[in-house]
Amino acid sequence: CNNVSCTKELRDLGNLKYHLQILAAENWSGWPENFAEVLYFLIG
């Protein structure tokens, strides 16, 4: 959150996009947000 260097490092990780897509499709009931989806969009 508000950390460009961390965002860039995550964006450069090849398989992360796939893992976040899989996790975003899981049931996040009980959490205020689907943080896999939040992270996916935050990274770009």
PDB file of all heavy atoms in Angstrom:
ATOM      1  N   CYS A   1       0.849  -1.200   0.000  1.00  0.00           N
ATOM      2  CA  CYS A   1       0.000   0.000   0.000  1.00  0.00           C
ATOM      3  C   CYS A   1       0.885   1.250   0.000  1.00  0.00           C
ATOM      4  O   CYS A   1       1.646   1.500   0.937  1.00  0.00           O
ATOM      5  CB  CYS A   1      -0.896  -0.022   1.234  1.00  0.00           C
ATOM      6  SG  CYS A   1      -2.076   1.332   1.282  1.00  0.00           S
ATOM      7  N   ASN A   2       0.808   2.024  -1.087  1.00  0.00           N
ATOM      8  CA  ASN A   2       1.609   3.252  -1.253  1.00  0.00           C
ATOM      9  C   ASN A   2       3.114   2.967  -1.276  1.00  0.00           C
ATOM     10  O   ASN A   2       3.913   3.819  -0.907  1.00  0.00           O
ATOM     11  CB  ASN A   2       1.307   4.268  -0.141  1.00  0.00           C
ATOM     12  CG  ASN A   2      -0.073   4.866  -0.283  1.00  0.00           C
ATOM     13  OD1 ASN A   2      -0.599   4.990  -1.383  1.00  0.00           O
ATOM     14  ND2 ASN A   2      -0.683   5.211   0.829  1.00  0.00           N
ATOM     15  N   ASN A   3       3.500   1.769  -1.711  1.00  0.00           N
ATOM     16  CA  ASN A   3       4.913   1.404  -1.761  1.00  0.00           C
ATOM     17  C   ASN A   3       5.244   0.936  -3.173  1.00  0.00           C
ATOM     18  O   ASN A   3       5.009  -0.220  -3.535  1.00  0.00           O
ATOM     19  CB  ASN A   3       5.214   0.300  -0.740  1.00  0.00           C
ATOM     20  CG  ASN A   3       6.695   0.086  -0.533  1.00  0.00           C
ATOM     21  OD1 ASN A   3       7.460   0.017  -1.487  1.00  0.00           O
ATOM     22  ND2 ASN A   3       7.111  -0.017   0.718  1.00  0.00           N
ATOM     23  N   VAL A   4       5.801   1.838  -3.971  1.00  0.00           N
ATOM     24  CA  VAL A   4       6.040   1.572  -5.388  1.00  0.00           C
ATOM     25  C   VAL A   4       7.070   0.467  -5.592  1.00  0.00           C
ATOM     26  O   VAL A   4       6.926  -0.383  -6.473  1.00  0.00           O
ATOM     27  CB  VAL A   4       6.492   2.858  -6.108  1.00  0.00           C
ATOM     28  CG1 VAL A   4       6.844   2.562  -7.562  1.00  0.00           C
ATOM     29  CG2 VAL A   4       5.403   3.922  -6.039  1.00  0.00           C
ATOM     30  N   SER A   5       8.118   0.453  -4.776  1.00  0.00           N
ATOM     31  CA  SER A   5       9.179  -0.541  -4.969  1.00  0.00           C
ATOM     32  C   SER A   5       8.670  -1.959  -4.731  1.00  0.00           C
ATOM     33  O   SER A   5       9.031  -2.895  -5.456  1.00  0.00           O
ATOM     34  CB  SER A   5      10.374  -0.237  -4.058  1.00  0.00           C
ATOM     35  OG  SER A   5      10.015  -0.330  -2.695  1.00  0.00           O
ATOM     36  N   CYS A   6       7.826  -2.139  -3.717  1.00  0.00           N
ATOM     37  CA  CYS A   6       7.240  -3.457  -3.466  1.00  0.00           C
ATOM     38  C   CYS A   6       6.314  -3.863  -4.609  1.00  0.00           C
ATOM     39  O   CYS A   6       6.326  -5.019  -5.053  1.00  0.00           O
ATOM     40  CB  CYS A   6       6.467  -3.453  -2.153  1.00  0.00           C
ATOM     41  SG  CYS A   6       7.497  -3.485  -0.667  1.00  0.00           S
ATOM     42  N   THR A   7       5.536  -2.915  -5.086  1.00  0.00           N
ATOM     43  CA  THR A   7       4.618  -3.192  -6.190  1.00  0.00           C
ATOM     44  C   THR A   7       5.377  -3.634  -7.431  1.00  0.00           C
ATOM     45  O   THR A   7       4.989  -4.594  -8.106  1.00  0.00           O
ATOM     46  CB  THR A   7       3.778  -1.944  -6.519  1.00  0.00           C
ATOM     47  OG1 THR A   7       3.070  -1.523  -5.344  1.00  0.00           O
ATOM     48  CG2 THR A   7       2.780  -2.232  -7.627  1.00  0.00           C
ATOM     49  N   LYS A   8       6.478  -2.956  -7.714  1.00  0.00           N
ATOM     50  CA  LYS A   8       7.273  -3.301  -8.899  1.00  0.00           C
ATOM     51  C   LYS A   8       7.871  -4.695  -8.776  1.00  0.00           C
ATOM     52  O   LYS A   8       7.869  -5.475  -9.735  1.00  0.00           O
ATOM     53  CB  LYS A   8       8.391  -2.276  -9.096  1.00  0.00           C
ATOM     54  CG  LYS A   8       9.217  -2.501 -10.365  1.00  0.00           C
ATOM     55  CD  LYS A   8      10.303  -1.459 -10.517  1.00  0.00           C
ATOM     56  CE  LYS A   8      11.057  -1.641 -11.828  1.00  0.00           C
ATOM     57  NZ  LYS A   8      11.659  -2.996 -11.945  1.00  0.00           N
ATOM     58  N   GLU A   9       8.392  -5.022  -7.584  1.00  0.00           N
ATOM     59  CA  GLU A   9       8.986  -6.349  -7.397  1.00  0.00           C
ATOM     60  C   GLU A   9       7.939  -7.442  -7.581  1.00  0.00           C
ATOM     61  O   GLU A   9       8.201  -8.483  -8.196  1.00  0.00           O
ATOM     62  CB  GLU A   9       9.620  -6.460  -6.014  1.00  0.00           C
ATOM     63  CG  GLU A   9      10.309  -7.803  -5.768  1.00  0.00           C
ATOM     64  CD  GLU A   9      11.071  -7.864  -4.463  1.00  0.00           C
ATOM     65  OE1 GLU A   9      11.353  -6.799  -3.880  1.00  0.00           O
ATOM     66  OE2 GLU A   9      11.368  -8.989  -4.003  1.00  0.00           O
ATOM     67  N   LEU A  10       6.742  -7.222  -7.074  1.00  0.00           N
ATOM     68  CA  LEU A  10       5.677  -8.203  -7.218  1.00  0.00           C
ATOM     69  C   LEU A  10       5.251  -8.353  -8.676  1.00  0.00           C
ATOM     70  O   LEU A  10       4.971  -9.459  -9.145  1.00  0.00           O
ATOM     71  CB  LEU A  10       4.471  -7.807  -6.365  1.00  0.00           C
ATOM     72  CG  LEU A  10       4.653  -7.971  -4.854  1.00  0.00           C
ATOM     73  CD1 LEU A  10       3.535  -7.272  -4.095  1.00  0.00           C
ATOM     74  CD2 LEU A  10       4.684  -9.449  -4.478  1.00  0.00           C
ATOM     75  N   ARG A  11       5.212  -7.239  -9.387  1.00  0.00           N
ATOM     76  CA  ARG A  11       4.791  -7.268 -10.789  1.00  0.00           C
ATOM     77  C   ARG A  11       5.756  -8.089 -11.639  1.00  0.00           C
ATOM     78  O   ARG A  11       5.363  -8.685 -12.639  1.00  0.00           O
ATOM     79  CB  ARG A  11       4.680  -5.851 -11.340  1.00  0.00           C
ATOM     80  CG  ARG A  11       3.994  -5.769 -12.724  1.00  0.00           C
ATOM     81  CD  ARG A  11       3.971  -4.350 -13.260  1.00  0.00           C
ATOM     82  NE  ARG A  11       3.244  -3.478 -12.363  1.00  0.00           N
ATOM     83  CZ  ARG A  11       3.740  -2.386 -11.798  1.00  0.00           C
ATOM     84  NH1 ARG A  11       5.001  -2.040 -12.025  1.00  0.00           N
ATOM     85  NH2 ARG A  11       3.002  -1.638 -11.009  1.00  0.00           N
ATOM     86  N   ASP A  12       7.011  -8.121 -11.227  1.00  0.00           N
ATOM     87  CA  ASP A  12       8.029  -8.836 -12.005  1.00  0.00           C
ATOM     88  C   ASP A  12       8.064 -10.337 -11.725  1.00  0.00           C
ATOM     89  O   ASP A  12       8.834 -11.061 -12.354  1.00  0.00           O
ATOM     90  CB  ASP A  12       9.420  -8.238 -11.720  1.00  0.00           C
ATOM     91  CG  ASP A  12       9.556  -6.815 -12.249  1.00  0.00           C
ATOM     92  OD1 ASP A  12       8.788  -6.452 -13.164  1.00  0.00           O
ATOM     93  OD2 ASP A  12      10.422  -6.076 -11.744  1.00  0.00           O
ATOM     94  N   LEU A  13       7.246 -10.808 -10.787  1.00  0.00           N
ATOM     95  CA  LEU A  13       7.213 -12.233 -10.466  1.00  0.00           C
ATOM     96  C   LEU A  13       6.261 -12.957 -11.413  1.00  0.00           C
ATOM     97  O   LEU A  13       5.056 -12.711 -11.405  1.00  0.00           O
ATOM     98  CB  LEU A  13       6.789 -12.440  -9.006  1.00  0.00           C
ATOM     99  CG  LEU A  13       7.753 -11.864  -7.958  1.00  0.00           C
ATOM    100  CD1 LEU A  13       7.181 -12.022  -6.561  1.00  0.00           C
ATOM    101  CD2 LEU A  13       9.119 -12.537  -8.045  1.00  0.00           C
ATOM    102  N   GLY A  14       6.807 -13.860 -12.197  1.00  0.00           N
ATOM    103  CA  GLY A  14       6.062 -14.472 -13.286  1.00  0.00           C
ATOM    104  C   GLY A  14       4.786 -15.196 -12.902  1.00  0.00           C
ATOM    105  O   GLY A  14       3.723 -14.981 -13.515  1.00  0.00           O
ATOM    106  N   ASN A  15       4.829 -16.060 -11.888  1.00  0.00           N
ATOM    107  CA  ASN A  15       3.674 -16.897 -11.566  1.00  0.00           C
ATOM    108  C   ASN A  15       2.687 -16.258 -10.602  1.00  0.00           C
ATOM    109  O   ASN A  15       1.625 -16.838 -10.343  1.00  0.00           O
ATOM    110  CB  ASN A  15       4.151 -18.227 -10.965  1.00  0.00           C
ATOM    111  CG  ASN A  15       4.896 -19.071 -11.973  1.00  0.00           C
ATOM    112  OD1 ASN A  15       4.635 -19.002 -13.174  1.00  0.00           O
ATOM    113  ND2 ASN A  15       5.844 -19.872 -11.485  1.00  0.00           N
ATOM    114  N   LEU A  16       3.011 -15.087 -10.069  1.00  0.00           N
ATOM    115  CA  LEU A  16       2.159 -14.484  -9.051  1.00  0.00           C
ATOM    116  C   LEU A  16       0.768 -14.164  -9.597  1.00  0.00           C
ATOM    117  O   LEU A  16      -0.234 -14.367  -8.905  1.00  0.00           O
ATOM    118  CB  LEU A  16       2.813 -13.221  -8.497  1.00  0.00           C
ATOM    119  CG  LEU A  16       2.018 -12.493  -7.405  1.00  0.00           C
ATOM    120  CD1 LEU A  16       1.735 -13.412  -6.227  1.00  0.00           C
ATOM    121  CD2 LEU A  16       2.767 -11.250  -6.942  1.00  0.00           C
ATOM    122  N   LYS A  17       0.707 -13.677 -10.815  1.00  0.00           N
ATOM    123  CA  LYS A  17      -0.582 -13.337 -11.406  1.00  0.00           C
ATOM    124  C   LYS A  17      -1.515 -14.544 -11.410  1.00  0.00           C
ATOM    125  O   LYS A  17      -2.698 -14.449 -11.038  1.00  0.00           O
ATOM    126  CB  LYS A  17      -0.381 -12.819 -12.836  1.00  0.00           C
ATOM    127  CG  LYS A  17      -1.669 -12.414 -13.536  1.00  0.00           C
ATOM    128  CD  LYS A  17      -1.374 -11.860 -14.922  1.00  0.00           C
ATOM    129  CE  LYS A  17      -2.654 -11.442 -15.619  1.00  0.00           C
ATOM    130  NZ  LYS A  17      -2.396 -10.887 -16.974  1.00  0.00           N
ATOM    131  N   TYR A  18      -0.971 -15.685 -11.791  1.00  0.00           N
ATOM    132  CA  TYR A  18      -1.763 -16.914 -11.827  1.00  0.00           C
ATOM    133  C   TYR A  18      -2.239 -17.300 -10.428  1.00  0.00           C
ATOM    134  O   TYR A  18      -3.430 -17.636 -10.231  1.00  0.00           O
ATOM    135  CB  TYR A  18      -0.923 -18.042 -12.426  1.00  0.00           C
ATOM    136  CG  TYR A  18      -1.475 -19.422 -12.205  1.00  0.00           C
ATOM    137  CD1 TYR A  18      -2.539 -19.896 -12.966  1.00  0.00           C
ATOM    138  CD2 TYR A  18      -0.936 -20.255 -11.220  1.00  0.00           C
ATOM    139  CE1 TYR A  18      -3.057 -21.169 -12.755  1.00  0.00           C
ATOM    140  CE2 TYR A  18      -1.444 -21.524 -10.999  1.00  0.00           C
ATOM    141  CZ  TYR A  18      -2.505 -21.977 -11.769  1.00  0.00           C
ATOM    142  OH  TYR A  18      -3.012 -23.232 -11.558  1.00  0.00           O
ATOM    143  N   HIS A  19      -1.347 -17.252  -9.448  1.00  0.00           N
ATOM    144  CA  HIS A  19      -1.718 -17.627  -8.083  1.00  0.00           C
ATOM    145  C   HIS A  19      -2.813 -16.713  -7.532  1.00  0.00           C
ATOM    146  O   HIS A  19      -3.747 -17.193  -6.853  1.00  0.00           O
ATOM    147  CB  HIS A  19      -0.500 -17.579  -7.169  1.00  0.00           C
ATOM    148  CG  HIS A  19       0.495 -18.658  -7.437  1.00  0.00           C
ATOM    149  ND1 HIS A  19       0.180 -19.994  -7.400  1.00  0.00           N
ATOM    150  CD2 HIS A  19       1.821 -18.612  -7.750  1.00  0.00           C
ATOM    151  CE1 HIS A  19       1.237 -20.731  -7.670  1.00  0.00           C
ATOM    152  NE2 HIS A  19       2.252 -19.906  -7.892  1.00  0.00           N
ATOM    153  N   LEU A  20      -2.711 -15.426  -7.802  1.00  0.00           N
ATOM    154  CA  LEU A  20      -3.716 -14.489  -7.306  1.00  0.00           C
ATOM    155  C   LEU A  20      -5.066 -14.707  -7.982  1.00  0.00           C
ATOM    156  O   LEU A  20      -6.120 -14.557  -7.351  1.00  0.00           O
ATOM    157  CB  LEU A  20      -3.243 -13.047  -7.499  1.00  0.00           C
ATOM    158  CG  LEU A  20      -2.057 -12.610  -6.636  1.00  0.00           C
ATOM    159  CD1 LEU A  20      -1.686 -11.166  -6.923  1.00  0.00           C
ATOM    160  CD2 LEU A  20      -2.363 -12.799  -5.149  1.00  0.00           C
ATOM    161  N   GLN A  21      -5.053 -15.050  -9.251  1.00  0.00           N
ATOM    162  CA  GLN A  21      -6.305 -15.355  -9.944  1.00  0.00           C
ATOM    163  C   GLN A  21      -6.997 -16.558  -9.307  1.00  0.00           C
ATOM    164  O   GLN A  21      -8.222 -16.550  -9.114  1.00  0.00           O
ATOM    165  CB  GLN A  21      -6.034 -15.626 -11.424  1.00  0.00           C
ATOM    166  CG  GLN A  21      -5.681 -14.378 -12.226  1.00  0.00           C
ATOM    167  CD  GLN A  21      -5.259 -14.708 -13.650  1.00  0.00           C
ATOM    168  OE1 GLN A  21      -4.800 -15.816 -13.932  1.00  0.00           O
ATOM    169  NE2 GLN A  21      -5.400 -13.745 -14.551  1.00  0.00           N
ATOM    170  N   ILE A  22      -6.211 -17.582  -8.985  1.00  0.00           N
ATOM    171  CA  ILE A  22      -6.769 -18.775  -8.342  1.00  0.00           C
ATOM    172  C   ILE A  22      -7.332 -18.440  -6.963  1.00  0.00           C
ATOM    173  O   ILE A  22      -8.448 -18.833  -6.606  1.00  0.00           O
ATOM    174  CB  ILE A  22      -5.695 -19.878  -8.210  1.00  0.00           C
ATOM    175  CG1 ILE A  22      -5.222 -20.333  -9.594  1.00  0.00           C
ATOM    176  CG2 ILE A  22      -6.231 -21.062  -7.404  1.00  0.00           C
ATOM    177  CD1 ILE A  22      -6.305 -20.951 -10.453  1.00  0.00           C
ATOM    178  N   LEU A  23      -6.564 -17.685  -6.178  1.00  0.00           N
ATOM    179  CA  LEU A  23      -6.999 -17.334  -4.822  1.00  0.00           C
ATOM    180  C   LEU A  23      -8.193 -16.380  -4.833  1.00  0.00           C
ATOM    181  O   LEU A  23      -9.056 -16.456  -3.951  1.00  0.00           O
ATOM    182  CB  LEU A  23      -5.839 -16.711  -4.050  1.00  0.00           C
ATOM    183  CG  LEU A  23      -4.734 -17.680  -3.629  1.00  0.00           C
ATOM    184  CD1 LEU A  23      -3.529 -16.931  -3.087  1.00  0.00           C
ATOM    185  CD2 LEU A  23      -5.251 -18.661  -2.584  1.00  0.00           C
ATOM    186  N   ALA A  24      -8.250 -15.501  -5.812  1.00  0.00           N
ATOM    187  CA  ALA A  24      -9.372 -14.563  -5.900  1.00  0.00           C
ATOM    188  C   ALA A  24     -10.688 -15.290  -6.151  1.00  0.00           C
ATOM    189  O   ALA A  24     -11.762 -14.788  -5.802  1.00  0.00           O
ATOM    190  CB  ALA A  24      -9.119 -13.539  -7.005  1.00  0.00           C
ATOM    191  N   ALA A  25     -10.606 -16.466  -6.749  1.00  0.00           N
ATOM    192  CA  ALA A  25     -11.810 -17.250  -7.049  1.00  0.00           C
ATOM    193  C   ALA A  25     -12.287 -18.072  -5.849  1.00  0.00           C
ATOM    194  O   ALA A  25     -13.361 -18.678  -5.897  1.00  0.00           O
ATOM    195  CB  ALA A  25     -11.544 -18.176  -8.235  1.00  0.00           C
ATOM    196  N   GLU A  26     -11.512 -18.080  -4.772  1.00  0.00           N
ATOM    197  CA  GLU A  26     -11.901 -18.823  -3.581  1.00  0.00           C
ATOM    198  C   GLU A  26     -12.957 -18.051  -2.783  1.00  0.00           C
ATOM    199  O   GLU A  26     -13.233 -16.887  -3.053  1.00  0.00           O
ATOM    200  CB  GLU A  26     -10.678 -19.086  -2.699  1.00  0.00           C
ATOM    201  CG  GLU A  26      -9.628 -19.990  -3.320  1.00  0.00           C
ATOM    202  CD  GLU A  26     -10.069 -21.442  -3.394  1.00  0.00           C
ATOM    203  OE1 GLU A  26     -11.112 -21.784  -2.779  1.00  0.00           O
ATOM    204  OE2 GLU A  26      -9.369 -22.240  -4.039  1.00  0.00           O
ATOM    205  N   ASN A  27     -13.502 -18.723  -1.792  1.00  0.00           N
ATOM    206  CA  ASN A  27     -14.545 -18.127  -0.959  1.00  0.00           C
ATOM    207  C   ASN A  27     -13.909 -17.295   0.157  1.00  0.00           C
ATOM    208  O   ASN A  27     -13.319 -17.847   1.081  1.00  0.00           O
ATOM    209  CB  ASN A  27     -15.423 -19.227  -0.375  1.00  0.00           C
ATOM    210  CG  ASN A  27     -16.551 -18.671   0.490  1.00  0.00           C
ATOM    211  OD1 ASN A  27     -16.742 -17.458   0.584  1.00  0.00           O
ATOM    212  ND2 ASN A  27     -17.293 -19.552   1.127  1.00  0.00           N
ATOM    213  N   TRP A  28     -14.044 -15.974   0.069  1.00  0.00           N
ATOM    214  CA  TRP A  28     -13.465 -15.066   1.053  1.00  0.00           C
ATOM    215  C   TRP A  28     -14.504 -14.586   2.066  1.00  0.00           C
ATOM    216  O   TRP A  28     -14.334 -13.538   2.692  1.00  0.00           O
ATOM    217  CB  TRP A  28     -12.836 -13.850   0.352  1.00  0.00           C
ATOM    218  CG  TRP A  28     -11.518 -14.143  -0.285  1.00  0.00           C
ATOM    219  CD1 TRP A  28     -11.289 -14.825  -1.438  1.00  0.00           C
ATOM    220  CD2 TRP A  28     -10.231 -13.753   0.206  1.00  0.00           C
ATOM    221  NE1 TRP A  28      -9.939 -14.893  -1.706  1.00  0.00           N
ATOM    222  CE2 TRP A  28      -9.267 -14.238  -0.718  1.00  0.00           C
ATOM    223  CE3 TRP A  28      -9.787 -13.050   1.319  1.00  0.00           C
ATOM    224  CZ2 TRP A  28      -7.894 -14.034  -0.552  1.00  0.00           C
ATOM    225  CZ3 TRP A  28      -8.428 -12.841   1.495  1.00  0.00           C
ATOM    226  CH2 TRP A  28      -7.505 -13.332   0.567  1.00  0.00           C
ATOM    227  N   SER A  29     -15.569 -15.347   2.244  1.00  0.00           N
ATOM    228  CA  SER A  29     -16.596 -14.937   3.205  1.00  0.00           C
ATOM    229  C   SER A  29     -15.983 -14.860   4.599  1.00  0.00           C
ATOM    230  O   SER A  29     -15.169 -15.704   4.996  1.00  0.00           O
ATOM    231  CB  SER A  29     -17.757 -15.934   3.207  1.00  0.00           C
ATOM    232  OG  SER A  29     -17.328 -17.220   3.578  1.00  0.00           O
ATOM    233  N   GLY A  30     -16.378 -13.831   5.340  1.00  0.00           N
ATOM    234  CA  GLY A  30     -15.791 -13.580   6.657  1.00  0.00           C
ATOM    235  C   GLY A  30     -14.693 -12.542   6.620  1.00  0.00           C
ATOM    236  O   GLY A  30     -14.292 -12.040   7.665  1.00  0.00           O
ATOM    237  N   TRP A  31     -14.204 -12.235   5.425  1.00  0.00           N
ATOM    238  CA  TRP A  31     -13.215 -11.172   5.244  1.00  0.00           C
ATOM    239  C   TRP A  31     -13.919  -9.962   4.642  1.00  0.00           C
ATOM    240  O   TRP A  31     -14.805 -10.109   3.807  1.00  0.00           O
ATOM    241  CB  TRP A  31     -12.100 -11.627   4.306  1.00  0.00           C
ATOM    242  CG  TRP A  31     -11.253 -12.761   4.814  1.00  0.00           C
ATOM    243  CD1 TRP A  31     -11.642 -14.046   5.002  1.00  0.00           C
ATOM    244  CD2 TRP A  31      -9.878 -12.681   5.203  1.00  0.00           C
ATOM    245  NE1 TRP A  31     -10.594 -14.789   5.479  1.00  0.00           N
ATOM    246  CE2 TRP A  31      -9.496 -13.982   5.608  1.00  0.00           C
ATOM    247  CE3 TRP A  31      -8.930 -11.660   5.231  1.00  0.00           C
ATOM    248  CZ2 TRP A  31      -8.211 -14.277   6.048  1.00  0.00           C
ATOM    249  CZ3 TRP A  31      -7.650 -11.959   5.674  1.00  0.00           C
ATOM    250  CH2 TRP A  31      -7.296 -13.244   6.081  1.00  0.00           C
ATOM    251  N   PRO A  32     -13.524  -8.750   5.031  1.00  0.00           N
ATOM    252  CA  PRO A  32     -14.181  -7.556   4.476  1.00  0.00           C
ATOM    253  C   PRO A  32     -13.870  -7.338   3.007  1.00  0.00           C
ATOM    254  O   PRO A  32     -14.608  -6.660   2.301  1.00  0.00           O
ATOM    255  CB  PRO A  32     -13.632  -6.407   5.335  1.00  0.00           C
ATOM    256  CG  PRO A  32     -12.326  -6.918   5.825  1.00  0.00           C
ATOM    257  CD  PRO A  32     -12.506  -8.392   6.026  1.00  0.00           C
ATOM    258  N   GLU A  33     -12.751  -7.897   2.545  1.00  0.00           N
ATOM    259  CA  GLU A  33     -12.338  -7.759   1.148  1.00  0.00           C
ATOM    260  C   GLU A  33     -11.712  -9.065   0.677  1.00  0.00           C
ATOM    261  O   GLU A  33     -11.185  -9.850   1.473  1.00  0.00           O
ATOM    262  CB  GLU A  33     -11.306  -6.628   0.983  1.00  0.00           C
ATOM    263  CG  GLU A  33     -11.821  -5.239   1.289  1.00  0.00           C
ATOM    264  CD  GLU A  33     -12.820  -4.736   0.259  1.00  0.00           C
ATOM    265  OE1 GLU A  33     -12.781  -5.216  -0.892  1.00  0.00           O
ATOM    266  OE2 GLU A  33     -13.626  -3.865   0.607  1.00  0.00           O
ATOM    267  N   ASN A  34     -11.771  -9.263  -0.627  1.00  0.00           N
ATOM    268  CA  ASN A  34     -11.029 -10.349  -1.262  1.00  0.00           C
ATOM    269  C   ASN A  34      -9.618  -9.811  -1.510  1.00  0.00           C
ATOM    270  O   ASN A  34      -9.371  -9.122  -2.496  1.00  0.00           O
ATOM    271  CB  ASN A  34     -11.714 -10.739  -2.571  1.00  0.00           C
ATOM    272  CG  ASN A  34     -11.031 -11.885  -3.293  1.00  0.00           C
ATOM    273  OD1 ASN A  34      -9.819 -12.024  -3.248  1.00  0.00           O
ATOM    274  ND2 ASN A  34     -11.824 -12.689  -3.982  1.00  0.00           N
ATOM    275  N   PHE A  35      -8.691 -10.098  -0.601  1.00  0.00           N
ATOM    276  CA  PHE A  35      -7.378  -9.464  -0.665  1.00  0.00           C
ATOM    277  C   PHE A  35      -6.498 -10.023  -1.780  1.00  0.00           C
ATOM    278  O   PHE A  35      -5.502  -9.390  -2.145  1.00  0.00           O
ATOM    279  CB  PHE A  35      -6.673  -9.531   0.691  1.00  0.00           C
ATOM    280  CG  PHE A  35      -7.199  -8.525   1.667  1.00  0.00           C
ATOM    281  CD1 PHE A  35      -8.065  -8.898   2.678  1.00  0.00           C
ATOM    282  CD2 PHE A  35      -6.863  -7.185   1.542  1.00  0.00           C
ATOM    283  CE1 PHE A  35      -8.571  -7.964   3.567  1.00  0.00           C
ATOM    284  CE2 PHE A  35      -7.361  -6.240   2.420  1.00  0.00           C
ATOM    285  CZ  PHE A  35      -8.227  -6.631   3.445  1.00  0.00           C
ATOM    286  N   ALA A  36      -6.842 -11.166  -2.316  1.00  0.00           N
ATOM    287  CA  ALA A  36      -6.148 -11.630  -3.522  1.00  0.00           C
ATOM    288  C   ALA A  36      -6.508 -10.714  -4.689  1.00  0.00           C
ATOM    289  O   ALA A  36      -5.649 -10.329  -5.489  1.00  0.00           O
ATOM    290  CB  ALA A  36      -6.535 -13.070  -3.836  1.00  0.00           C
ATOM    291  N   GLU A  37      -7.769 -10.343  -4.749  1.00  0.00           N
ATOM    292  CA  GLU A  37      -8.231  -9.432  -5.805  1.00  0.00           C
ATOM    293  C   GLU A  37      -7.680  -8.033  -5.589  1.00  0.00           C
ATOM    294  O   GLU A  37      -7.253  -7.368  -6.544  1.00  0.00           O
ATOM    295  CB  GLU A  37      -9.757  -9.415  -5.816  1.00  0.00           C
ATOM    296  CG  GLU A  37     -10.377  -8.729  -7.004  1.00  0.00           C
ATOM    297  CD  GLU A  37     -11.885  -8.883  -7.003  1.00  0.00           C
ATOM    298  OE1 GLU A  37     -12.570  -8.100  -6.292  1.00  0.00           O
ATOM    299  OE2 GLU A  37     -12.389  -9.792  -7.686  1.00  0.00           O
ATOM    300  N   VAL A  38      -7.691  -7.585  -4.333  1.00  0.00           N
ATOM    301  CA  VAL A  38      -7.131  -6.264  -4.016  1.00  0.00           C
ATOM    302  C   VAL A  38      -5.673  -6.194  -4.441  1.00  0.00           C
ATOM    303  O   VAL A  38      -5.235  -5.228  -5.082  1.00  0.00           O
ATOM    304  CB  VAL A  38      -7.257  -5.975  -2.498  1.00  0.00           C
ATOM    305  CG1 VAL A  38      -6.414  -4.758  -2.108  1.00  0.00           C
ATOM    306  CG2 VAL A  38      -8.706  -5.733  -2.124  1.00  0.00           C
ATOM    307  N   LEU A  39      -4.905  -7.228  -4.091  1.00  0.00           N
ATOM    308  CA  LEU A  39      -3.487  -7.251  -4.428  1.00  0.00           C
ATOM    309  C   LEU A  39      -3.284  -7.315  -5.940  1.00  0.00           C
ATOM    310  O   LEU A  39      -2.376  -6.670  -6.488  1.00  0.00           O
ATOM    311  CB  LEU A  39      -2.824  -8.451  -3.747  1.00  0.00           C
ATOM    312  CG  LEU A  39      -1.297  -8.543  -3.828  1.00  0.00           C
ATOM    313  CD1 LEU A  39      -0.645  -7.308  -3.213  1.00  0.00           C
ATOM    314  CD2 LEU A  39      -0.807  -9.806  -3.123  1.00  0.00           C
ATOM    315  N   TYR A  40      -4.124  -8.075  -6.615  1.00  0.00           N
ATOM    316  CA  TYR A  40      -4.058  -8.213  -8.072  1.00  0.00           C
ATOM    317  C   TYR A  40      -4.185  -6.854  -8.757  1.00  0.00           C
ATOM    318  O   TYR A  40      -3.399  -6.507  -9.651  1.00  0.00           O
ATOM    319  CB  TYR A  40      -5.181  -9.145  -8.523  1.00  0.00           C
ATOM    320  CG  TYR A  40      -5.184  -9.520  -9.984  1.00  0.00           C
ATOM    321  CD1 TYR A  40      -4.513 -10.659 -10.428  1.00  0.00           C
ATOM    322  CD2 TYR A  40      -5.872  -8.756 -10.929  1.00  0.00           C
ATOM    323  CE1 TYR A  40      -4.529 -11.017 -11.764  1.00  0.00           C
ATOM    324  CE2 TYR A  40      -5.887  -9.106 -12.262  1.00  0.00           C
ATOM    325  CZ  TYR A  40      -5.219 -10.245 -12.675  1.00  0.00           C
ATOM    326  OH  TYR A  40      -5.233 -10.600 -14.006  1.00  0.00           O
ATOM    327  N   PHE A  41      -5.156  -6.066  -8.313  1.00  0.00           N
ATOM    328  CA  PHE A  41      -5.359  -4.735  -8.896  1.00  0.00           C
ATOM    329  C   PHE A  41      -4.307  -3.748  -8.417  1.00  0.00           C
ATOM    330  O   PHE A  41      -3.887  -2.864  -9.176  1.00  0.00           O
ATOM    331  CB  PHE A  41      -6.765  -4.224  -8.562  1.00  0.00           C
ATOM    332  CG  PHE A  41      -7.839  -4.800  -9.425  1.00  0.00           C
ATOM    333  CD1 PHE A  41      -8.471  -5.973  -9.074  1.00  0.00           C
ATOM    334  CD2 PHE A  41      -8.203  -4.186 -10.618  1.00  0.00           C
ATOM    335  CE1 PHE A  41      -9.455  -6.528  -9.883  1.00  0.00           C
ATOM    336  CE2 PHE A  41      -9.173  -4.728 -11.438  1.00  0.00           C
ATOM    337  CZ  PHE A  41      -9.812  -5.911 -11.065  1.00  0.00           C
ATOM    338  N   LEU A  42      -3.885  -3.883  -7.173  1.00  0.00           N
ATOM    339  CA  LEU A  42      -2.867  -2.976  -6.639  1.00  0.00           C
ATOM    340  C   LEU A  42      -1.568  -3.112  -7.414  1.00  0.00           C
ATOM    341  O   LEU A  42      -0.892  -2.113  -7.708  1.00  0.00           O
ATOM    342  CB  LEU A  42      -2.632  -3.282  -5.156  1.00  0.00           C
ATOM    343  CG  LEU A  42      -1.602  -2.436  -4.415  1.00  0.00           C
ATOM    344  CD1 LEU A  42      -2.024  -0.973  -4.425  1.00  0.00           C
ATOM    345  CD2 LEU A  42      -1.447  -2.932  -2.986  1.00  0.00           C
ATOM    346  N   ILE A  43      -1.201  -4.345  -7.749  1.00  0.00           N
ATOM    347  CA  ILE A  43       0.021  -4.588  -8.517  1.00  0.00           C
ATOM    348  C   ILE A  43      -0.112  -4.098  -9.946  1.00  0.00           C
ATOM    349  O   ILE A  43       0.862  -3.680 -10.570  1.00  0.00           O
ATOM    350  CB  ILE A  43       0.364  -6.095  -8.502  1.00  0.00           C
ATOM    351  CG1 ILE A  43       0.691  -6.545  -7.069  1.00  0.00           C
ATOM    352  CG2 ILE A  43       1.552  -6.412  -9.411  1.00  0.00           C
ATOM    353  CD1 ILE A  43       0.794  -8.052  -6.915  1.00  0.00           C
ATOM    354  N   GLY A  44      -1.340  -4.119 -10.470  1.00  0.00           N
ATOM    355  CA  GLY A  44      -1.584  -3.655 -11.830  1.00  0.00           C
ATOM    356  C   GLY A  44      -1.700  -4.778 -12.838  1.00  0.00           C
ATOM    357  O   GLY A  44      -1.616  -4.542 -14.048  1.00  0.00           O
TER     358      GLY A  44
END
